[in-house]
Protein backbone atom coordinates (compact mmCIF):
# COMPACT_ATOMS: atom_id res chain seq x y z
CA MET A 1 -0.04 0.03 0.06
CA ILE A 2 3.01 2.43 0.72
CA ALA A 3 4.51 1.71 -2.51
CA ALA A 4 1.44 2.29 -4.03
CA LEU A 5 1.04 6.00 -2.77
CA LEU A 6 4.74 6.66 -3.24
CA ALA A 7 3.58 5.93 -7.03
CA LEU A 8 0.95 7.78 -6.93
CA CYS A 9 2.78 11.00 -5.34
CA ALA A 10 5.00 10.52 -8.00
CA LEU A 11 2.86 10.74 -10.86
CA LEU A 12 0.70 13.66 -8.88
CA THR A 13 4.19 15.69 -8.88
CA GLN A 14 4.55 14.84 -12.76
CA GLY A 15 1.00 15.91 -13.48
CA ALA A 16 -0.03 12.46 -14.57
CA TYR A 17 -3.29 13.30 -12.81
CA GLY A 18 -4.13 16.29 -14.26
CA PHE A 19 -2.31 18.11 -11.20
CA GLU A 20 0.13 20.87 -11.49
CA LEU A 21 2.56 20.94 -8.37
CA GLN A 22 5.35 23.46 -8.76
CA ARG A 23 8.91 22.76 -8.12
CA PRO A 24 11.69 24.90 -7.46
CA LEU A 25 12.89 26.82 -10.15
CA ARG A 26 16.61 26.19 -12.12
CA GLY A 27 18.41 28.52 -14.66
CA SER A 28 16.25 29.86 -17.06
CA GLU A 29 13.96 28.59 -15.59
CA ALA A 30 13.01 31.18 -13.12
CA ALA A 31 12.84 34.18 -15.91
CA LEU A 32 9.91 32.28 -17.70
CA PRO A 33 6.11 33.39 -16.81
CA PRO A 34 4.39 31.20 -13.92
CA TRP A 35 2.03 29.66 -16.01
CA ARG A 36 4.93 28.10 -18.34
CA HIS A 37 6.18 26.50 -15.11
CA HIS A 38 3.53 23.91 -14.99
CA ALA A 39 0.90 24.28 -17.72
CA GLY A 40 0.92 20.76 -19.00
CA PRO A 41 -1.51 20.10 -22.03
CA GLU A 42 -4.99 20.23 -21.33
CA ARG A 43 -6.63 16.89 -20.78
CA TYR A 44 -10.30 16.17 -19.37
CA SER A 45 -12.10 13.09 -19.35
CA LEU A 46 -15.51 14.85 -19.00
CA ALA A 47 -16.90 16.77 -22.00
CA LEU A 48 -16.05 20.90 -21.15
CA PRO A 49 -18.85 23.02 -22.48
CA PHE A 50 -16.72 25.86 -23.83
CA GLY A 51 -19.74 28.48 -25.14
CA GLU A 52 -22.19 27.70 -22.56
CA PRO A 53 -22.94 30.97 -21.34
CA GLN A 54 -23.40 30.12 -17.44
CA PHE A 55 -19.90 27.85 -17.58
CA GLU A 56 -18.26 30.86 -19.16
CA ARG A 57 -19.58 32.96 -16.46
CA TYR A 58 -18.03 30.85 -14.07
CA ARG A 59 -14.45 30.42 -15.88
CA GLU A 60 -14.81 34.30 -15.53
CA LEU A 61 -15.29 33.99 -11.81
CA TYR A 62 -12.73 31.77 -11.18
CA ALA A 63 -10.11 33.23 -13.58
CA SER A 64 -10.21 36.76 -11.41
CA PRO A 65 -8.17 37.32 -8.70
CA GLY A 66 -10.55 36.45 -6.08
CA GLY A 67 -11.40 33.34 -7.76
CA LYS A 68 -7.85 32.45 -8.31
CA ALA A 69 -6.90 32.98 -4.44
CA TRP A 70 -9.80 31.13 -3.49
CA ILE A 71 -9.10 27.97 -5.80
CA GLN A 72 -5.26 28.21 -3.84
CA ALA A 73 -6.34 28.39 -0.33
CA VAL A 74 -8.62 25.42 -1.05
CA TYR A 75 -6.48 23.78 -2.99
CA ALA A 76 -3.92 23.98 0.06
CA ARG A 77 -6.71 22.76 2.58
CA SER A 78 -6.85 19.03 -0.01
CA ARG A 79 -3.43 18.59 0.42
CA PRO A 80 -3.72 16.24 3.51
CA TYR A 81 -6.03 14.06 1.45
CA ALA A 82 -4.87 14.72 -1.66
CA LEU A 83 -2.79 11.47 -2.18
CA PHE A 84 -6.00 9.12 -0.92
CA VAL A 85 -8.75 10.74 -2.63
CA MET A 86 -6.71 10.47 -6.14
CA GLU A 87 -5.84 6.75 -5.13
CA ARG A 88 -9.43 6.27 -4.65
CA ILE A 89 -10.79 7.59 -7.60
CA ARG A 90 -8.09 5.95 -9.61
CA TYR A 91 -9.34 2.61 -7.86
CA TYR A 92 -12.45 3.25 -9.09
CA GLY A 93 -11.41 4.09 -12.72
CA LEU A 94 -13.40 7.54 -12.12
CA PRO A 95 -12.88 10.68 -13.98
CA GLU A 96 -10.19 12.58 -12.36
CA GLU A 97 -11.87 15.70 -12.10
CA LEU A 98 -14.49 14.40 -9.44
CA PHE A 99 -11.28 15.38 -7.29
CA PHE A 100 -12.74 18.82 -7.08
CA LEU A 101 -16.27 18.42 -5.86
CA PRO A 102 -15.03 19.16 -2.45
CA PHE A 103 -14.14 22.34 -3.58
CA ILE A 104 -17.52 23.41 -3.94
CA GLU A 105 -19.28 20.89 -1.58
CA SER A 106 -17.02 21.74 1.32
CA GLU A 107 -14.14 23.74 0.47
CA TYR A 108 -11.69 20.60 1.75
CA LEU A 109 -13.06 21.13 5.30
CA SER A 110 -13.63 17.92 6.76
CA LYS A 111 -15.52 19.75 9.81
CA ALA A 112 -17.86 21.93 7.07
CA VAL A 113 -21.46 21.45 8.13
CA SER A 114 -24.51 23.11 5.38
CA LYS A 115 -27.56 24.86 6.47
CA SER A 116 -29.42 21.67 5.93
CA GLY A 117 -26.98 19.90 8.19
CA ALA A 118 -24.81 18.07 5.39
CA THR A 119 -21.50 17.47 6.89
CA GLY A 120 -18.19 16.69 5.78
CA LEU A 121 -15.93 16.82 2.59
CA TRP A 122 -18.68 15.22 0.99
CA GLN A 123 -21.35 16.75 2.84
CA PHE A 124 -23.15 13.66 3.17
CA MET A 125 -26.59 13.82 4.75
CA ARG A 126 -27.57 11.94 8.16
CA ASN A 127 -30.44 9.73 6.35
CA SER A 128 -27.81 9.04 3.31
CA ILE A 129 -24.81 7.13 4.92
CA GLY A 130 -26.83 3.70 4.69
CA GLY A 131 -24.70 1.32 3.44
CA TYR A 132 -21.65 3.30 3.07
CA ASP A 133 -19.99 1.99 6.32
CA MET A 134 -20.53 5.43 8.05
CA ARG A 135 -21.47 5.75 11.60
CA ILE A 136 -23.11 8.47 14.03
CA ASP A 137 -23.17 8.06 17.59
CA GLU A 138 -22.55 10.22 20.66
CA TRP A 139 -18.74 9.78 20.05
CA VAL A 140 -18.40 9.56 16.45
CA ASP A 141 -19.43 11.23 13.29
CA GLU A 142 -18.00 9.29 10.05
CA ARG A 143 -19.33 11.66 7.66
CA ARG A 144 -16.07 13.53 8.91
CA ASP A 145 -14.12 10.85 8.35
CA PHE A 146 -12.14 11.88 5.31
CA MET A 147 -11.38 7.90 4.27
CA LYS A 148 -15.19 6.31 4.39
CA SER A 149 -16.83 10.01 3.30
CA THR A 150 -14.07 9.61 0.05
CA ASP A 151 -14.89 5.67 -0.53
CA GLY A 152 -18.68 6.69 -0.01
CA ALA A 153 -18.97 9.75 -2.32
CA LEU A 154 -16.96 8.09 -4.83
CA ARG A 155 -19.53 4.63 -4.66
CA LYS A 156 -22.56 6.90 -4.75
CA LEU A 157 -21.18 8.76 -7.78
CA GLN A 158 -20.40 5.79 -9.54
CA TRP A 159 -23.64 3.99 -8.78
CA ASN A 160 -25.12 7.19 -10.25
CA TYR A 161 -23.42 6.85 -13.42
CA GLU A 162 -24.37 3.50 -13.54
CA ARG A 163 -27.99 4.13 -13.12
CA PHE A 164 -27.97 7.06 -15.61
CA GLY A 165 -25.33 6.35 -18.12
CA ASP A 166 -23.74 9.86 -18.42
CA TRP A 167 -21.68 11.42 -15.97
CA LEU A 168 -22.80 15.10 -15.75
CA LEU A 169 -26.35 13.03 -14.81
CA ALA A 170 -24.42 11.66 -12.11
CA ILE A 171 -23.15 14.22 -10.86
CA ALA A 172 -26.16 16.78 -10.93
CA ALA A 173 -27.72 13.55 -8.90
CA TYR A 174 -25.22 13.57 -6.00
CA ASN A 175 -26.84 17.37 -6.03
CA CYS A 176 -30.38 16.96 -6.35
CA GLY A 177 -30.39 12.98 -5.15
CA ALA A 178 -31.29 10.17 -7.77
CA GLY A 179 -35.13 10.36 -6.98
CA ALA A 180 -35.36 13.83 -8.38
CA MET A 181 -33.14 13.20 -11.45
CA ASP A 182 -35.52 10.23 -12.42
CA ARG A 183 -38.54 12.19 -12.11
CA ALA A 184 -36.52 14.84 -14.59
CA ILE A 185 -35.86 12.04 -17.22
CA ALA A 186 -39.37 11.10 -16.82
CA ALA A 187 -41.01 14.30 -17.16
CA SER A 188 -38.91 14.79 -20.47
CA GLY A 189 -39.91 12.03 -22.20
CA GLY A 190 -36.48 9.85 -21.42
CA GLN A 191 -33.91 12.59 -22.43
CA ARG A 192 -30.90 11.55 -20.58
CA ASP A 193 -28.69 14.65 -21.36
CA PHE A 194 -28.03 17.22 -18.89
CA TRP A 195 -28.44 20.76 -20.74
CA LEU A 196 -31.61 19.24 -22.26
CA LEU A 197 -32.95 18.76 -18.86
CA ARG A 198 -31.41 22.23 -17.39
CA GLU A 199 -32.90 23.99 -20.88
CA LYS A 200 -36.21 22.48 -19.55
CA LYS A 201 -36.18 23.61 -16.39
CA LEU A 202 -37.07 19.95 -15.04
CA LEU A 203 -33.92 20.20 -12.80
CA PRO A 204 -33.70 22.16 -9.31
CA PRO A 205 -32.48 25.77 -9.60
CA GLU A 206 -29.58 24.49 -7.61
CA THR A 207 -28.80 21.63 -9.63
CA GLN A 208 -29.20 23.61 -12.73
CA SER A 209 -25.76 25.96 -11.53
CA TYR A 210 -24.13 22.98 -9.77
CA VAL A 211 -22.95 21.26 -12.79
CA PRO A 212 -21.36 24.21 -14.85
CA LYS A 213 -20.07 25.59 -11.33
CA PHE A 214 -18.39 22.52 -11.16
CA LEU A 215 -16.65 21.73 -14.11
CA ALA A 216 -15.57 25.48 -14.04
CA VAL A 217 -13.96 25.10 -11.07
CA ALA A 218 -12.39 21.61 -12.53
CA TRP A 219 -10.85 23.45 -15.77
CA THR A 220 -9.54 26.32 -13.42
CA ALA A 221 -7.42 24.31 -10.87
CA MET A 222 -6.74 21.40 -12.90
CA HIS A 223 -4.42 23.18 -15.04
CA ALA A 224 -3.65 25.47 -12.45
CA GLY A 225 -0.14 26.91 -14.25
CA ARG A 226 -1.97 28.29 -17.14
CA ASN A 227 -4.58 30.14 -14.66
CA ASP A 228 -1.62 31.58 -13.48
CA ILE A 229 -2.51 29.79 -9.78
CA ALA A 230 0.51 29.05 -7.59
CA LEU A 231 0.45 25.47 -5.44
CA SER A 232 3.09 23.86 -3.54
CA TRP A 233 5.32 21.34 -4.83
CA ASP A 234 5.82 19.55 -0.98
CA GLU A 235 4.20 15.98 -1.06
CA PRO A 236 1.16 15.34 0.16
CA PRO A 237 0.74 13.58 3.31
CA GLN A 238 0.35 9.67 3.12
CA TRP A 239 -1.87 8.07 5.79
CA VAL A 240 -2.36 4.59 7.39
CA THR A 241 -4.91 3.12 9.91
CA VAL A 242 -3.35 2.48 13.55
CA ALA A 243 -6.18 0.35 15.60
CA VAL A 244 -6.93 1.67 19.11
CA ASN A 245 -9.00 -0.58 21.65
CA ARG A 246 -9.44 2.06 24.26
CA PRO A 247 -10.55 5.68 24.83
CA VAL A 248 -7.56 7.80 23.64
CA ASP A 249 -6.87 11.71 23.47
CA MET A 250 -5.40 12.25 19.80
CA GLY A 251 -3.63 15.57 21.65
CA MET A 252 -2.33 13.77 24.36
CA LEU A 253 -1.36 10.26 21.94
CA ALA A 254 0.31 12.69 19.86
CA GLU A 255 2.11 14.45 22.52
CA ALA A 256 3.50 11.10 23.75
CA ALA A 257 4.71 10.19 20.03
CA ASP A 258 6.25 13.37 19.54
CA MET A 259 3.86 15.09 16.58
CA ASN A 260 1.83 17.67 15.90
CA ALA A 261 -1.70 17.10 18.09
CA ASP A 262 -3.45 19.53 14.99
CA GLU A 263 -2.19 16.90 11.84
CA LEU A 264 -3.29 13.94 14.35
CA ARG A 265 -6.75 15.86 15.26
CA LEU A 266 -6.90 17.07 11.33
CA GLY A 267 -6.93 13.11 9.90
CA ASN A 268 -9.76 12.08 12.52
CA ALA A 269 -11.97 14.68 12.75
CA GLU A 270 -14.96 12.09 12.77
CA LEU A 271 -13.70 11.97 16.77
CA LEU A 272 -16.32 14.54 18.24
CA PHE A 273 -14.36 15.03 21.29
CA GLY A 274 -10.90 14.26 19.61
CA ILE A 275 -11.29 11.26 21.74
CA THR A 276 -11.39 6.98 20.19
CA PRO A 277 -14.49 5.52 21.47
CA PRO A 278 -13.92 3.72 24.98
CA ASP A 279 -16.63 0.85 23.93
CA ARG A 280 -15.09 -0.50 20.67
CA LYS A 281 -12.03 -0.73 18.03
CA HIS A 282 -11.47 2.62 16.46
CA LEU A 283 -9.11 2.67 13.64
CA ILE A 284 -7.37 6.08 13.96
CA LYS A 285 -5.30 7.48 10.70
CA VAL A 286 -1.68 8.45 11.35
CA PRO A 287 0.96 10.20 8.92
CA ALA A 288 3.00 7.02 7.69
CA GLY A 289 6.21 8.54 9.10
CA ARG A 290 4.84 8.44 12.35
CA ALA A 291 2.68 5.04 12.78
CA GLU A 292 5.95 3.80 14.46
CA ALA A 293 5.80 6.59 17.30
CA ILE A 294 2.32 6.27 17.48
CA SER A 295 2.02 2.26 18.08
CA ALA A 296 4.29 2.45 20.41
CA ALA A 297 2.48 5.07 22.61
CA LEU A 298 -0.63 3.07 22.10
CA ALA A 299 1.54 -0.39 23.22
CA SER A 300 2.74 1.16 26.27
CA LYS A 301 1.37 1.48 29.62
CA ASP A 302 0.77 5.70 29.89
CA ARG A 303 -2.66 6.66 30.61
CA LEU A 304 -3.61 8.48 27.12
CA MET A 305 -7.19 9.67 28.41
CA ASN A 306 -10.32 8.09 30.87
CA VAL A 307 -13.27 9.45 29.81
CA TYR A 308 -17.47 9.61 31.26
CA ILE A 309 -19.82 11.03 29.32
CA HIS A 310 -22.31 13.02 32.06
CA LYS A 311 -25.90 14.19 30.99
CA VAL A 312 -26.81 17.41 32.95
CA GLN A 313 -29.22 16.85 35.65
CA SER A 314 -31.16 19.21 37.99
CA GLY A 315 -28.67 20.41 40.95
CA ASP A 316 -25.41 19.64 38.77
CA THR A 317 -22.59 21.75 38.56
CA VAL A 318 -19.30 21.55 36.41
CA SER A 319 -17.36 22.05 39.65
CA ALA A 320 -18.77 19.12 41.58
CA LEU A 321 -18.24 17.16 38.37
CA ALA A 322 -14.65 18.16 38.46
CA ARG A 323 -14.09 17.18 42.47
CA HIS A 324 -16.17 13.99 41.32
CA TYR A 325 -13.94 12.82 38.85
CA SER A 326 -10.52 14.74 40.39
CA VAL A 327 -10.29 16.76 37.47
CA SER A 328 -10.16 20.54 36.99
CA VAL A 329 -12.87 22.98 35.93
CA ALA A 330 -10.45 23.85 33.52
CA LEU A 331 -9.80 20.55 31.65
CA ILE A 332 -13.49 19.54 31.30
CA ALA A 333 -13.85 23.00 29.72
CA LYS A 334 -10.73 22.52 27.69
CA LEU A 335 -12.61 18.66 26.41
CA ASN A 336 -15.71 20.81 25.48
CA PRO A 337 -15.42 23.49 23.09
CA GLY A 338 -18.00 26.25 23.69
CA LEU A 339 -18.75 24.88 26.97
CA ASN A 340 -19.98 27.82 29.72
CA PRO A 341 -18.73 26.02 33.15
CA ASP A 342 -21.27 28.70 34.82
CA LYS A 343 -24.34 28.21 32.60
CA ILE A 344 -24.69 24.19 32.02
CA ARG A 345 -28.17 23.20 31.20
CA LEU A 346 -30.54 20.77 32.04
CA GLY A 347 -29.93 17.56 29.18
CA GLN A 348 -26.45 19.14 28.47
CA THR A 349 -23.68 16.04 27.68
CA ILE A 350 -20.40 16.64 28.56
CA ALA A 351 -17.27 14.77 28.28
CA ILE A 352 -15.29 14.60 31.43
CA PRO A 353 -11.46 13.09 31.33
CA ALA A 354 -11.36 10.90 34.46
CA PHE A 355 -7.56 9.98 35.39
CA LYS A 356 -8.73 7.14 38.05
CA THR A 357 -12.02 4.74 37.81
CA VAL A 358 -14.73 6.26 39.47
CA GLY A 359 -18.24 5.50 39.72
CA PRO A 360 -21.07 7.38 37.75
CA TYR A 361 -21.64 10.75 39.47
CA GLN A 362 -24.56 11.40 41.61
CA ALA A 363 -25.66 14.87 42.55
CA ASN A 364 -26.51 15.05 46.15
CA ARG A 365 -30.46 16.63 45.67
CA PRO A 366 -32.16 17.13 49.01
CA ALA A 367 -35.89 17.60 49.24
CA HIS A 368 -37.27 20.98 48.45
CA ASP A 369 -38.33 21.17 52.06
CA GLU A 370 -34.94 20.58 53.47
CA LEU A 371 -32.98 23.32 51.63
CA ARG A 372 -32.30 26.44 53.82
CA TYR A 373 -33.79 29.81 51.79
CA GLY A 374 -33.34 33.01 52.83
CA GLY A 375 -30.16 33.88 50.10
CA ALA A 376 -30.32 37.09 48.21
CA TYR A 377 -29.29 36.97 44.38
CA ILE A 378 -29.68 40.15 42.31
CA VAL A 379 -30.73 39.17 38.98
CA LYS A 380 -27.89 39.83 36.00
CA LYS A 381 -28.23 39.95 32.38
CA GLY A 382 -28.98 36.54 30.27
CA ASP A 383 -29.99 34.90 33.52
CA THR A 384 -32.63 32.45 33.35
CA LEU A 385 -34.31 30.07 36.05
CA TRP A 386 -32.87 26.93 34.44
CA ALA A 387 -29.51 28.64 34.65
CA LEU A 388 -29.96 29.51 38.77
CA SER A 389 -31.24 26.30 39.31
CA LEU A 390 -28.48 24.51 38.46
CA ILE A 391 -26.18 26.91 40.65
CA TYR A 392 -28.18 26.24 43.74
CA GLY A 393 -29.02 22.43 43.28
CA VAL A 394 -32.98 23.40 43.10
CA GLN A 395 -35.90 22.07 40.64
CA PRO A 396 -36.29 25.20 38.64
CA GLU A 397 -40.24 24.45 39.26
CA ALA A 398 -39.26 24.90 43.81
CA LEU A 399 -37.27 28.18 42.86
CA ALA A 400 -39.98 29.64 40.88
CA GLU A 401 -42.85 29.01 43.12
CA LYS A 402 -40.56 30.24 46.03
CA ASN A 403 -40.51 33.63 44.44
CA GLY A 404 -43.99 33.80 43.15
CA LEU A 405 -42.86 33.17 39.28
CA SER A 406 -43.67 30.25 36.39
CA LEU A 407 -41.17 28.67 34.81
CA THR A 408 -41.98 31.02 32.00
CA SER A 409 -41.19 34.18 33.79
CA VAL A 410 -38.60 36.61 32.30
CA LEU A 411 -36.33 37.57 34.90
CA ARG A 412 -35.41 41.63 34.68
CA GLU A 413 -32.18 42.66 35.17
CA GLY A 414 -31.21 43.80 38.73
CA MET A 415 -34.27 41.80 40.78
CA THR A 416 -33.63 40.14 43.59
CA LEU A 417 -34.56 36.85 43.99
CA ASN A 418 -34.81 34.28 47.01
CA VAL A 419 -32.81 31.79 46.63
CA PRO A 420 -31.17 28.95 48.80
CA ILE A 421 -28.45 29.41 51.27
CA LEU A 422 -25.28 27.94 49.61
CA GLU A 423 -23.20 25.89 52.85
């Protein structure tokens, strides 16, 4: 596998797949215009609609200074995944232009989420992962796994092509769905031509623009040199998988293996907490050159993470959780991006690193009549009965009743509430 990836890297560098990676200039080459250094011959697997108005408008857009800067930036984001994506495209024998589909889907951001909830490089919906070996649970969202999502997307595109017999229809169906494409073809009397279906407005408006936009990106990016887009000539990273059978924090693992933690997290974006699931084996992706060090760190007896997932109940506080699990509030906050330790909410899920084996946390929740009221709390902007009930360890209904309020009452800044006296 490594040998195949190395060979693929050489092909990419030479432009065998349409990529045009820069190399250091030698001698008189430095005097040539930038596009001359890596222009290469034009070569496409898909028929490009030169002269078609919308395609030409998109080409003009991506050839503008802003468009070229965007393509250059997305190209840079794609580099961690380039070898794997191209290897799978080659494995399935698909058009190499498909490498650029994530340019318009996610801008090659593995954690990208659309307004409709589509997620990952290839923007899978939650209900569209069936049959593609992707899992979503409290620990992982494998739509963000660049290996699994790439393989799933290419299989889906291949299936679309086998169903519709045309690559532009297959790509359009990736956007609008196979069912919508079936209906469009039926409404046209069986025509299987994207441009005809678009002309008759039988496809959704977004899909009508999707294909010309994709083709324009592919034309611009595949021959970056002739379009004056500078690309890195550094070799893209190669990834291998290593099995992990216990909860391991990617940051701690990277530190133990003396490698960059961001690189390891980038390759394993499917881990929602940055921690491998505690209840099953998980294959993490690691740079090929660091696989031995990672395996050694995993084989050691060093504690790399022990994690509990706690669902907030009435009366819980982050400080009490920290005391129970013998960790700091700061560490809990670090493990849960966006968490405000002073304003947790009922039902919220909190990941807690625990460095010793302890039982599940249960707050000491006394009966309402055992609480000694008489404390005074001055309401601040943003306070709610729900948030205050967590601070004082009392049911929100009881706190509302004690103050002559209902759960839907709006707290006014500066008002005084009768609250339990904290021991």
